[in-house]
Amino acid sequence: MVPIPPFLFDREVDRNILYYGLTQQIYGPFLLGFQSAYSLDQNRNISSVYTLEYSRRTYGILLRYDATQSAASIGFRLSNFSWLGDTDPFDTPRTRQVRGGVIEPW
């Protein structure tokens, strides 16, 4: 007896898929990308996604367009607001003293 998957996306249909893509920084924080999926079993392209991203250290905006499904999306990323380092960490080496660190037994 074959178990029935609980969701439609759990089906095992496209098992031999070739994924490829490229993302390139075009200017400053702007990235342009392309991702595709090709089904080797069906010998056809099943996904082609174009992306444009504005990416900074603490936030980003991503525009995606799937040409195969004619669908678009916009994404927002917020991260790492607790960063307390210098704005120019690569100009001189800096060290900080550790107080109350963990002592490991040998």
PDB file of N, CA and C in Angstrom:
ATOM      1  N   MET A   1       0.841  -1.179   0.000  1.00  0.00           N
ATOM      2  CA  MET A   1       0.000   0.000   0.000  1.00  0.00           C
ATOM      3  C   MET A   1       0.886   1.242   0.000  1.00  0.00           C
ATOM      4  N   VAL A   2       0.650   2.154  -0.902  1.00  0.00           N
ATOM      5  CA  VAL A   2       1.435   3.377  -1.023  1.00  0.00           C
ATOM      6  C   VAL A   2       0.850   4.440  -0.106  1.00  0.00           C
ATOM      7  N   PRO A   3       1.697   5.059   0.761  1.00  0.00           N
ATOM      8  CA  PRO A   3       1.160   6.108   1.635  1.00  0.00           C
ATOM      9  C   PRO A   3       0.765   7.343   0.825  1.00  0.00           C
ATOM     10  N   ILE A   4      -0.291   7.979   1.224  1.00  0.00           N
ATOM     11  CA  ILE A   4      -0.773   9.186   0.564  1.00  0.00           C
ATOM     12  C   ILE A   4      -0.104  10.390   1.221  1.00  0.00           C
ATOM     13  N   PRO A   5       0.555  11.239   0.442  1.00  0.00           N
ATOM     14  CA  PRO A   5       1.188  12.416   1.042  1.00  0.00           C
ATOM     15  C   PRO A   5       0.128  13.386   1.564  1.00  0.00           C
ATOM     16  N   PRO A   6       0.419  14.052   2.676  1.00  0.00           N
ATOM     17  CA  PRO A   6      -0.585  14.946   3.262  1.00  0.00           C
ATOM     18  C   PRO A   6      -0.794  16.235   2.468  1.00  0.00           C
ATOM     19  N   PHE A   7       0.182  16.627   1.666  1.00  0.00           N
ATOM     20  CA  PHE A   7       0.065  17.871   0.908  1.00  0.00           C
ATOM     21  C   PHE A   7       0.390  17.599  -0.558  1.00  0.00           C
ATOM     22  N   LEU A   8      -0.157  18.411  -1.437  1.00  0.00           N
ATOM     23  CA  LEU A   8       0.070  18.230  -2.857  1.00  0.00           C
ATOM     24  C   LEU A   8       1.544  18.439  -3.224  1.00  0.00           C
ATOM     25  N   PHE A   9       2.245  19.356  -2.529  1.00  0.00           N
ATOM     26  CA  PHE A   9       3.634  19.630  -2.872  1.00  0.00           C
ATOM     27  C   PHE A   9       4.583  18.539  -2.371  1.00  0.00           C
ATOM     28  N   ASP A  10       4.097  17.541  -1.630  1.00  0.00           N
ATOM     29  CA  ASP A  10       4.922  16.423  -1.178  1.00  0.00           C
ATOM     30  C   ASP A  10       5.033  15.311  -2.221  1.00  0.00           C
ATOM     31  N   ARG A  11       4.374  15.467  -3.344  1.00  0.00           N
ATOM     32  CA  ARG A  11       4.430  14.426  -4.373  1.00  0.00           C
ATOM     33  C   ARG A  11       5.849  14.305  -4.920  1.00  0.00           C
ATOM     34  N   GLU A  12       6.221  13.106  -5.283  1.00  0.00           N
ATOM     35  CA  GLU A  12       7.530  12.878  -5.886  1.00  0.00           C
ATOM     36  C   GLU A  12       7.364  12.842  -7.393  1.00  0.00           C
ATOM     37  N   VAL A  13       7.380  13.997  -8.009  1.00  0.00           N
ATOM     38  CA  VAL A  13       7.242  14.024  -9.461  1.00  0.00           C
ATOM     39  C   VAL A  13       8.563  14.436 -10.090  1.00  0.00           C
ATOM     40  N   ASP A  14       8.992  15.574 -10.081  1.00  0.00           N
ATOM     41  CA  ASP A  14      10.217  15.990 -10.765  1.00  0.00           C
ATOM     42  C   ASP A  14      11.436  15.632  -9.917  1.00  0.00           C
ATOM     43  N   ARG A  15      11.975  14.438 -10.124  1.00  0.00           N
ATOM     44  CA  ARG A  15      13.118  13.979  -9.335  1.00  0.00           C
ATOM     45  C   ARG A  15      14.445  14.340  -9.964  1.00  0.00           C
ATOM     46  N   ASN A  16      14.503  14.488 -11.283  1.00  0.00           N
ATOM     47  CA  ASN A  16      15.741  14.814 -11.990  1.00  0.00           C
ATOM     48  C   ASN A  16      15.649  16.236 -12.512  1.00  0.00           C
ATOM     49  N   ILE A  17      16.069  17.178 -11.678  1.00  0.00           N
ATOM     50  CA  ILE A  17      15.981  18.591 -12.024  1.00  0.00           C
ATOM     51  C   ILE A  17      17.372  19.203 -11.966  1.00  0.00           C
ATOM     52  N   LEU A  18      17.685  20.003 -12.950  1.00  0.00           N
ATOM     53  CA  LEU A  18      18.937  20.736 -12.998  1.00  0.00           C
ATOM     54  C   LEU A  18      18.635  22.193 -12.634  1.00  0.00           C
ATOM     55  N   TYR A  19      19.241  22.657 -11.546  1.00  0.00           N
ATOM     56  CA  TYR A  19      19.078  24.036 -11.097  1.00  0.00           C
ATOM     57  C   TYR A  19      20.341  24.816 -11.460  1.00  0.00           C
ATOM     58  N   TYR A  20      20.167  26.027 -11.920  1.00  0.00           N
ATOM     59  CA  TYR A  20      21.312  26.889 -12.184  1.00  0.00           C
ATOM     60  C   TYR A  20      20.884  28.336 -12.026  1.00  0.00           C
ATOM     61  N   GLY A  21      21.862  29.191 -11.770  1.00  0.00           N
ATOM     62  CA  GLY A  21      21.555  30.601 -11.592  1.00  0.00           C
ATOM     63  C   GLY A  21      22.812  31.427 -11.464  1.00  0.00           C
ATOM     64  N   LEU A  22      22.627  32.730 -11.497  1.00  0.00           N
ATOM     65  CA  LEU A  22      23.731  33.669 -11.404  1.00  0.00           C
ATOM     66  C   LEU A  22      23.209  34.953 -10.787  1.00  0.00           C
ATOM     67  N   THR A  23      23.958  35.496  -9.851  1.00  0.00           N
ATOM     68  CA  THR A  23      23.647  36.807  -9.270  1.00  0.00           C
ATOM     69  C   THR A  23      24.880  37.676  -9.413  1.00  0.00           C
ATOM     70  N   GLN A  24      24.687  38.892  -9.907  1.00  0.00           N
ATOM     71  CA  GLN A  24      25.803  39.792 -10.165  1.00  0.00           C
ATOM     72  C   GLN A  24      25.521  41.158  -9.546  1.00  0.00           C
ATOM     73  N   GLN A  25      26.522  41.693  -8.863  1.00  0.00           N
ATOM     74  CA  GLN A  25      26.411  43.057  -8.341  1.00  0.00           C
ATOM     75  C   GLN A  25      26.580  44.006  -9.521  1.00  0.00           C
ATOM     76  N   ILE A  26      25.580  44.875  -9.733  1.00  0.00           N
ATOM     77  CA  ILE A  26      25.654  45.754 -10.900  1.00  0.00           C
ATOM     78  C   ILE A  26      26.167  47.145 -10.536  1.00  0.00           C
ATOM     79  N   TYR A  27      25.820  47.633  -9.334  1.00  0.00           N
ATOM     80  CA  TYR A  27      26.340  48.928  -8.886  1.00  0.00           C
ATOM     81  C   TYR A  27      26.021  49.094  -7.407  1.00  0.00           C
ATOM     82  N   GLY A  28      27.037  49.285  -6.582  1.00  0.00           N
ATOM     83  CA  GLY A  28      26.818  49.492  -5.154  1.00  0.00           C
ATOM     84  C   GLY A  28      26.016  48.360  -4.537  1.00  0.00           C
ATOM     85  N   PRO A  29      24.894  48.672  -3.886  1.00  0.00           N
ATOM     86  CA  PRO A  29      24.106  47.622  -3.235  1.00  0.00           C
ATOM     87  C   PRO A  29      23.081  46.938  -4.146  1.00  0.00           C
ATOM     88  N   PHE A  30      23.101  47.213  -5.447  1.00  0.00           N
ATOM     89  CA  PHE A  30      22.136  46.628  -6.379  1.00  0.00           C
ATOM     90  C   PHE A  30      22.673  45.330  -6.975  1.00  0.00           C
ATOM     91  N   LEU A  31      21.851  44.280  -6.898  1.00  0.00           N
ATOM     92  CA  LEU A  31      22.200  42.969  -7.429  1.00  0.00           C
ATOM     93  C   LEU A  31      21.150  42.546  -8.452  1.00  0.00           C
ATOM     94  N   LEU A  32      21.592  41.961  -9.532  1.00  0.00           N
ATOM     95  CA  LEU A  32      20.706  41.460 -10.573  1.00  0.00           C
ATOM     96  C   LEU A  32      20.949  39.958 -10.698  1.00  0.00           C
ATOM     97  N   GLY A  33      19.869  39.182 -10.756  1.00  0.00           N
ATOM     98  CA  GLY A  33      20.048  37.738 -10.772  1.00  0.00           C
ATOM     99  C   GLY A  33      19.073  37.009 -11.660  1.00  0.00           C
ATOM    100  N   PHE A  34      19.428  35.750 -11.917  1.00  0.00           N
ATOM    101  CA  PHE A  34      18.614  34.853 -12.722  1.00  0.00           C
ATOM    102  C   PHE A  34      18.764  33.453 -12.140  1.00  0.00           C
ATOM    103  N   GLN A  35      17.646  32.748 -11.964  1.00  0.00           N
ATOM    104  CA  GLN A  35      17.648  31.366 -11.496  1.00  0.00           C
ATOM    105  C   GLN A  35      16.691  30.574 -12.369  1.00  0.00           C
ATOM    106  N   SER A  36      17.071  29.341 -12.654  1.00  0.00           N
ATOM    107  CA  SER A  36      16.224  28.516 -13.503  1.00  0.00           C
ATOM    108  C   SER A  36      16.264  27.074 -13.037  1.00  0.00           C
ATOM    109  N   ALA A  37      15.197  26.350 -13.345  1.00  0.00           N
ATOM    110  CA  ALA A  37      15.105  24.918 -13.063  1.00  0.00           C
ATOM    111  C   ALA A  37      14.657  24.220 -14.336  1.00  0.00           C
ATOM    112  N   TYR A  38      15.380  23.170 -14.693  1.00  0.00           N
ATOM    113  CA  TYR A  38      15.113  22.433 -15.919  1.00  0.00           C
ATOM    114  C   TYR A  38      14.844  20.979 -15.574  1.00  0.00           C
ATOM    115  N   SER A  39      13.698  20.458 -15.983  1.00  0.00           N
ATOM    116  CA  SER A  39      13.335  19.068 -15.730  1.00  0.00           C
ATOM    117  C   SER A  39      13.982  18.180 -16.788  1.00  0.00           C
ATOM    118  N   LEU A  40      14.866  17.299 -16.353  1.00  0.00           N
ATOM    119  CA  LEU A  40      15.532  16.386 -17.279  1.00  0.00           C
ATOM    120  C   LEU A  40      14.602  15.263 -17.722  1.00  0.00           C
ATOM    121  N   ASP A  41      13.634  14.905 -16.886  1.00  0.00           N
ATOM    122  CA  ASP A  41      12.665  13.864 -17.255  1.00  0.00           C
ATOM    123  C   ASP A  41      11.712  14.339 -18.348  1.00  0.00           C
ATOM    124  N   GLN A  42      11.210  15.561 -18.193  1.00  0.00           N
ATOM    125  CA  GLN A  42      10.231  16.094 -19.149  1.00  0.00           C
ATOM    126  C   GLN A  42      10.881  16.896 -20.273  1.00  0.00           C
ATOM    127  N   ASN A  43      12.201  17.145 -20.162  1.00  0.00           N
ATOM    128  CA  ASN A  43      12.961  17.881 -21.162  1.00  0.00           C
ATOM    129  C   ASN A  43      12.359  19.268 -21.428  1.00  0.00           C
ATOM    130  N   ARG A  44      12.089  19.987 -20.320  1.00  0.00           N
ATOM    131  CA  ARG A  44      11.528  21.343 -20.459  1.00  0.00           C
ATOM    132  C   ARG A  44      11.912  22.195 -19.253  1.00  0.00           C
ATOM    133  N   ASN A  45      11.850  23.493 -19.459  1.00  0.00           N
ATOM    134  CA  ASN A  45      12.137  24.452 -18.397  1.00  0.00           C
ATOM    135  C   ASN A  45      10.902  24.559 -17.491  1.00  0.00           C
ATOM    136  N   ILE A  46      11.076  24.390 -16.183  1.00  0.00           N
ATOM    137  CA  ILE A  46       9.920  24.455 -15.283  1.00  0.00           C
ATOM    138  C   ILE A  46       9.905  25.709 -14.424  1.00  0.00           C
ATOM    139  N   SER A  47      10.995  26.482 -14.443  1.00  0.00           N
ATOM    140  CA  SER A  47      11.015  27.722 -13.669  1.00  0.00           C
ATOM    141  C   SER A  47      12.115  28.635 -14.171  1.00  0.00           C
ATOM    142  N   SER A  48      11.787  29.913 -14.355  1.00  0.00           N
ATOM    143  CA  SER A  48      12.758  30.946 -14.710  1.00  0.00           C
ATOM    144  C   SER A  48      12.440  32.180 -13.875  1.00  0.00           C
ATOM    145  N   VAL A  49      13.324  32.513 -12.950  1.00  0.00           N
ATOM    146  CA  VAL A  49      13.081  33.611 -12.017  1.00  0.00           C
ATOM    147  C   VAL A  49      14.147  34.680 -12.209  1.00  0.00           C
ATOM    148  N   TYR A  50      13.701  35.920 -12.408  1.00  0.00           N
ATOM    149  CA  TYR A  50      14.586  37.079 -12.517  1.00  0.00           C
ATOM    150  C   TYR A  50      14.466  37.868 -11.225  1.00  0.00           C
ATOM    151  N   THR A  51      15.596  38.350 -10.698  1.00  0.00           N
ATOM    152  CA  THR A  51      15.574  39.090  -9.436  1.00  0.00           C
ATOM    153  C   THR A  51      16.339  40.401  -9.561  1.00  0.00           C
ATOM    154  N   LEU A  52      15.876  41.387  -8.823  1.00  0.00           N
ATOM    155  CA  LEU A  52      16.575  42.647  -8.626  1.00  0.00           C
ATOM    156  C   LEU A  52      16.546  42.910  -7.132  1.00  0.00           C
ATOM    157  N   GLU A  53      17.718  43.107  -6.548  1.00  0.00           N
ATOM    158  CA  GLU A  53      17.804  43.250  -5.094  1.00  0.00           C
ATOM    159  C   GLU A  53      18.594  44.490  -4.719  1.00  0.00           C
ATOM    160  N   TYR A  54      18.097  45.182  -3.716  1.00  0.00           N
ATOM    161  CA  TYR A  54      18.822  46.270  -3.067  1.00  0.00           C
ATOM    162  C   TYR A  54      19.192  45.744  -1.686  1.00  0.00           C
ATOM    163  N   SER A  55      20.481  45.485  -1.456  1.00  0.00           N
ATOM    164  CA  SER A  55      20.897  44.790  -0.245  1.00  0.00           C
ATOM    165  C   SER A  55      21.880  45.624   0.565  1.00  0.00           C
ATOM    166  N   ARG A  56      21.491  45.903   1.794  1.00  0.00           N
ATOM    167  CA  ARG A  56      22.360  46.590   2.751  1.00  0.00           C
ATOM    168  C   ARG A  56      22.619  45.649   3.918  1.00  0.00           C
ATOM    169  N   ARG A  57      23.467  46.050   4.856  1.00  0.00           N
ATOM    170  CA  ARG A  57      23.825  45.178   5.970  1.00  0.00           C
ATOM    171  C   ARG A  57      22.622  44.836   6.842  1.00  0.00           C
ATOM    172  N   THR A  58      21.768  45.783   7.111  1.00  0.00           N
ATOM    173  CA  THR A  58      20.661  45.550   8.040  1.00  0.00           C
ATOM    174  C   THR A  58      19.296  45.420   7.376  1.00  0.00           C
ATOM    175  N   TYR A  59      19.205  45.651   6.082  1.00  0.00           N
ATOM    176  CA  TYR A  59      17.914  45.510   5.413  1.00  0.00           C
ATOM    177  C   TYR A  59      18.130  45.240   3.928  1.00  0.00           C
ATOM    178  N   GLY A  60      17.081  44.785   3.284  1.00  0.00           N
ATOM    179  CA  GLY A  60      17.142  44.535   1.856  1.00  0.00           C
ATOM    180  C   GLY A  60      15.747  44.502   1.262  1.00  0.00           C
ATOM    181  N   ILE A  61      15.665  44.797  -0.012  1.00  0.00           N
ATOM    182  CA  ILE A  61      14.411  44.739  -0.759  1.00  0.00           C
ATOM    183  C   ILE A  61      14.671  43.875  -1.988  1.00  0.00           C
ATOM    184  N   LEU A  62      13.813  42.894  -2.215  1.00  0.00           N
ATOM    185  CA  LEU A  62      13.994  41.952  -3.307  1.00  0.00           C
ATOM    186  C   LEU A  62      12.755  41.947  -4.195  1.00  0.00           C
ATOM    187  N   LEU A  63      12.955  42.176  -5.484  1.00  0.00           N
ATOM    188  CA  LEU A  63      11.888  42.075  -6.481  1.00  0.00           C
ATOM    189  C   LEU A  63      12.153  40.816  -7.298  1.00  0.00           C
ATOM    190  N   ARG A  64      11.139  39.955  -7.418  1.00  0.00           N
ATOM    191  CA  ARG A  64      11.264  38.690  -8.161  1.00  0.00           C
ATOM    192  C   ARG A  64      10.167  38.585  -9.198  1.00  0.00           C
ATOM    193  N   TYR A  65      10.525  38.046 -10.352  1.00  0.00           N
ATOM    194  CA  TYR A  65       9.538  37.780 -11.396  1.00  0.00           C
ATOM    195  C   TYR A  65       9.785  36.385 -11.957  1.00  0.00           C
ATOM    196  N   ASP A  66       8.780  35.529 -11.875  1.00  0.00           N
ATOM    197  CA  ASP A  66       8.843  34.181 -12.423  1.00  0.00           C
ATOM    198  C   ASP A  66       8.197  34.211 -13.801  1.00  0.00           C
ATOM    199  N   ALA A  67       9.026  34.122 -14.833  1.00  0.00           N
ATOM    200  CA  ALA A  67       8.525  34.225 -16.204  1.00  0.00           C
ATOM    201  C   ALA A  67       7.707  33.006 -16.610  1.00  0.00           C
ATOM    202  N   THR A  68       7.987  31.848 -16.044  1.00  0.00           N
ATOM    203  CA  THR A  68       7.250  30.637 -16.392  1.00  0.00           C
ATOM    204  C   THR A  68       5.826  30.682 -15.871  1.00  0.00           C
ATOM    205  N   GLN A  69       5.643  31.167 -14.644  1.00  0.00           N
ATOM    206  CA  GLN A  69       4.311  31.217 -14.038  1.00  0.00           C
ATOM    207  C   GLN A  69       3.662  32.591 -14.136  1.00  0.00           C
ATOM    208  N   SER A  70       4.347  33.567 -14.717  1.00  0.00           N
ATOM    209  CA  SER A  70       3.866  34.952 -14.810  1.00  0.00           C
ATOM    210  C   SER A  70       3.443  35.476 -13.440  1.00  0.00           C
ATOM    211  N   ALA A  71       4.323  35.300 -12.464  1.00  0.00           N
ATOM    212  CA  ALA A  71       4.047  35.740 -11.095  1.00  0.00           C
ATOM    213  C   ALA A  71       5.206  36.611 -10.604  1.00  0.00           C
ATOM    214  N   ALA A  72       4.863  37.616  -9.834  1.00  0.00           N
ATOM    215  CA  ALA A  72       5.870  38.521  -9.281  1.00  0.00           C
ATOM    216  C   ALA A  72       5.699  38.611  -7.782  1.00  0.00           C
ATOM    217  N   SER A  73       6.789  38.983  -7.100  1.00  0.00           N
ATOM    218  CA  SER A  73       6.726  39.162  -5.649  1.00  0.00           C
ATOM    219  C   SER A  73       7.720  40.224  -5.234  1.00  0.00           C
ATOM    220  N   ILE A  74       7.491  40.760  -4.061  1.00  0.00           N
ATOM    221  CA  ILE A  74       8.399  41.717  -3.447  1.00  0.00           C
ATOM    222  C   ILE A  74       8.681  41.214  -2.034  1.00  0.00           C
ATOM    223  N   GLY A  75       9.938  41.267  -1.635  1.00  0.00           N
ATOM    224  CA  GLY A  75      10.319  40.784  -0.316  1.00  0.00           C
ATOM    225  C   GLY A  75      11.125  41.833   0.432  1.00  0.00           C
ATOM    226  N   PHE A  76      10.964  41.848   1.730  1.00  0.00           N
ATOM    227  CA  PHE A  76      11.702  42.755   2.598  1.00  0.00           C
ATOM    228  C   PHE A  76      12.496  41.931   3.602  1.00  0.00           C
ATOM    229  N   ARG A  77      13.727  42.358   3.897  1.00  0.00           N
ATOM    230  CA  ARG A  77      14.558  41.674   4.884  1.00  0.00           C
ATOM    231  C   ARG A  77      15.040  42.692   5.895  1.00  0.00           C
ATOM    232  N   LEU A  78      14.829  42.395   7.169  1.00  0.00           N
ATOM    233  CA  LEU A  78      15.353  43.188   8.272  1.00  0.00           C
ATOM    234  C   LEU A  78      16.205  42.266   9.123  1.00  0.00           C
ATOM    235  N   SER A  79      17.437  42.688   9.434  1.00  0.00           N
ATOM    236  CA  SER A  79      18.307  41.813  10.212  1.00  0.00           C
ATOM    237  C   SER A  79      19.403  42.597  10.907  1.00  0.00           C
ATOM    238  N   ASN A  80      19.892  42.005  11.987  1.00  0.00           N
ATOM    239  CA  ASN A  80      21.113  42.428  12.649  1.00  0.00           C
ATOM    240  C   ASN A  80      21.114  43.878  13.132  1.00  0.00           C
ATOM    241  N   PHE A  81      20.032  44.330  13.777  1.00  0.00           N
ATOM    242  CA  PHE A  81      20.003  45.685  14.299  1.00  0.00           C
ATOM    243  C   PHE A  81      20.793  45.838  15.590  1.00  0.00           C
ATOM    244  N   SER A  82      21.271  44.731  16.178  1.00  0.00           N
ATOM    245  CA  SER A  82      22.029  44.824  17.421  1.00  0.00           C
ATOM    246  C   SER A  82      23.531  44.927  17.172  1.00  0.00           C
ATOM    247  N   TRP A  83      23.949  45.211  15.962  1.00  0.00           N
ATOM    248  CA  TRP A  83      25.367  45.299  15.645  1.00  0.00           C
ATOM    249  C   TRP A  83      25.954  46.549  16.293  1.00  0.00           C
ATOM    250  N   LEU A  84      27.034  46.381  17.066  1.00  0.00           N
ATOM    251  CA  LEU A  84      27.636  47.488  17.802  1.00  0.00           C
ATOM    252  C   LEU A  84      29.065  47.774  17.370  1.00  0.00           C
ATOM    253  N   GLY A  85      29.487  47.282  16.249  1.00  0.00           N
ATOM    254  CA  GLY A  85      30.865  47.468  15.801  1.00  0.00           C
ATOM    255  C   GLY A  85      31.108  48.838  15.195  1.00  0.00           C
ATOM    256  N   ASP A  86      32.344  49.048  14.751  1.00  0.00           N
ATOM    257  CA  ASP A  86      32.708  50.296  14.086  1.00  0.00           C
ATOM    258  C   ASP A  86      32.147  50.313  12.666  1.00  0.00           C
ATOM    259  N   THR A  87      32.042  51.494  12.111  1.00  0.00           N
ATOM    260  CA  THR A  87      31.578  51.595  10.730  1.00  0.00           C
ATOM    261  C   THR A  87      32.676  51.256   9.742  1.00  0.00           C
ATOM    262  N   ASP A  88      33.911  51.282  10.175  1.00  0.00           N
ATOM    263  CA  ASP A  88      35.027  50.948   9.289  1.00  0.00           C
ATOM    264  C   ASP A  88      35.916  49.878   9.952  1.00  0.00           C
ATOM    265  N   PRO A  89      35.446  48.641  10.052  1.00  0.00           N
ATOM    266  CA  PRO A  89      36.187  47.623  10.795  1.00  0.00           C
ATOM    267  C   PRO A  89      37.437  47.108  10.084  1.00  0.00           C
ATOM    268  N   PHE A  90      37.659  47.458   8.830  1.00  0.00           N
ATOM    269  CA  PHE A  90      38.769  46.865   8.099  1.00  0.00           C
ATOM    270  C   PHE A  90      39.991  47.775   7.984  1.00  0.00           C
ATOM    271  N   ASP A  91      39.948  48.981   8.576  1.00  0.00           N
ATOM    272  CA  ASP A  91      41.088  49.871   8.388  1.00  0.00           C
ATOM    273  C   ASP A  91      42.224  49.587   9.373  1.00  0.00           C
ATOM    274  N   THR A  92      41.937  49.212  10.618  1.00  0.00           N
ATOM    275  CA  THR A  92      42.988  48.864  11.578  1.00  0.00           C
ATOM    276  C   THR A  92      42.512  47.687  12.418  1.00  0.00           C
ATOM    277  N   PRO A  93      43.430  46.802  12.809  1.00  0.00           N
ATOM    278  CA  PRO A  93      43.002  45.690  13.666  1.00  0.00           C
ATOM    279  C   PRO A  93      42.687  46.182  15.073  1.00  0.00           C
ATOM    280  N   ARG A  94      41.571  45.726  15.620  1.00  0.00           N
ATOM    281  CA  ARG A  94      41.158  46.117  16.960  1.00  0.00           C
ATOM    282  C   ARG A  94      40.828  44.861  17.758  1.00  0.00           C
ATOM    283  N   THR A  95      41.142  44.870  19.023  1.00  0.00           N
ATOM    284  CA  THR A  95      40.791  43.760  19.903  1.00  0.00           C
ATOM    285  C   THR A  95      39.999  44.295  21.075  1.00  0.00           C
ATOM    286  N   ARG A  96      39.169  43.443  21.658  1.00  0.00           N
ATOM    287  CA  ARG A  96      38.381  43.808  22.834  1.00  0.00           C
ATOM    288  C   ARG A  96      38.710  42.840  23.969  1.00  0.00           C
ATOM    289  N   GLN A  97      38.696  43.337  25.184  1.00  0.00           N
ATOM    290  CA  GLN A  97      38.925  42.501  26.351  1.00  0.00           C
ATOM    291  C   GLN A  97      37.648  41.727  26.678  1.00  0.00           C
ATOM    292  N   VAL A  98      37.806  40.459  27.027  1.00  0.00           N
ATOM    293  CA  VAL A  98      36.672  39.627  27.423  1.00  0.00           C
ATOM    294  C   VAL A  98      36.626  39.597  28.941  1.00  0.00           C
ATOM    295  N   ARG A  99      35.481  39.965  29.509  1.00  0.00           N
ATOM    296  CA  ARG A  99      35.313  39.971  30.959  1.00  0.00           C
ATOM    297  C   ARG A  99      34.201  38.986  31.311  1.00  0.00           C
ATOM    298  N   GLY A 100      34.479  38.109  32.267  1.00  0.00           N
ATOM    299  CA  GLY A 100      33.488  37.147  32.697  1.00  0.00           C
ATOM    300  C   GLY A 100      33.231  36.069  31.663  1.00  0.00           C
ATOM    301  N   GLY A 101      34.280  35.678  30.938  1.00  0.00           N
ATOM    302  CA  GLY A 101      34.137  34.652  29.902  1.00  0.00           C
ATOM    303  C   GLY A 101      33.960  33.260  30.502  1.00  0.00           C
ATOM    304  N   VAL A 102      33.760  32.297  29.650  1.00  0.00           N
ATOM    305  CA  VAL A 102      33.546  30.912  30.065  1.00  0.00           C
ATOM    306  C   VAL A 102      34.904  30.237  30.283  1.00  0.00           C
ATOM    307  N   ILE A 103      35.067  29.570  31.419  1.00  0.00           N
ATOM    308  CA  ILE A 103      36.279  28.799  31.696  1.00  0.00           C
ATOM    309  C   ILE A 103      35.945  27.337  31.457  1.00  0.00           C
ATOM    310  N   GLU A 104      36.675  26.688  30.540  1.00  0.00           N
ATOM    311  CA  GLU A 104      36.418  25.285  30.229  1.00  0.00           C
ATOM    312  C   GLU A 104      37.407  24.405  30.969  1.00  0.00           C
ATOM    313  N   PRO A 105      36.935  23.326  31.595  1.00  0.00           N
ATOM    314  CA  PRO A 105      37.859  22.412  32.273  1.00  0.00           C
ATOM    315  C   PRO A 105      38.624  21.567  31.248  1.00  0.00           C
ATOM    316  N   TRP A 106      39.856  21.205  31.582  1.00  0.00           N
ATOM    317  CA  TRP A 106      40.665  20.376  30.690  1.00  0.00           C
ATOM    318  C   TRP A 106      40.230  18.996  30.848  1.00  0.00           C
TER     319      TRP A 106
END
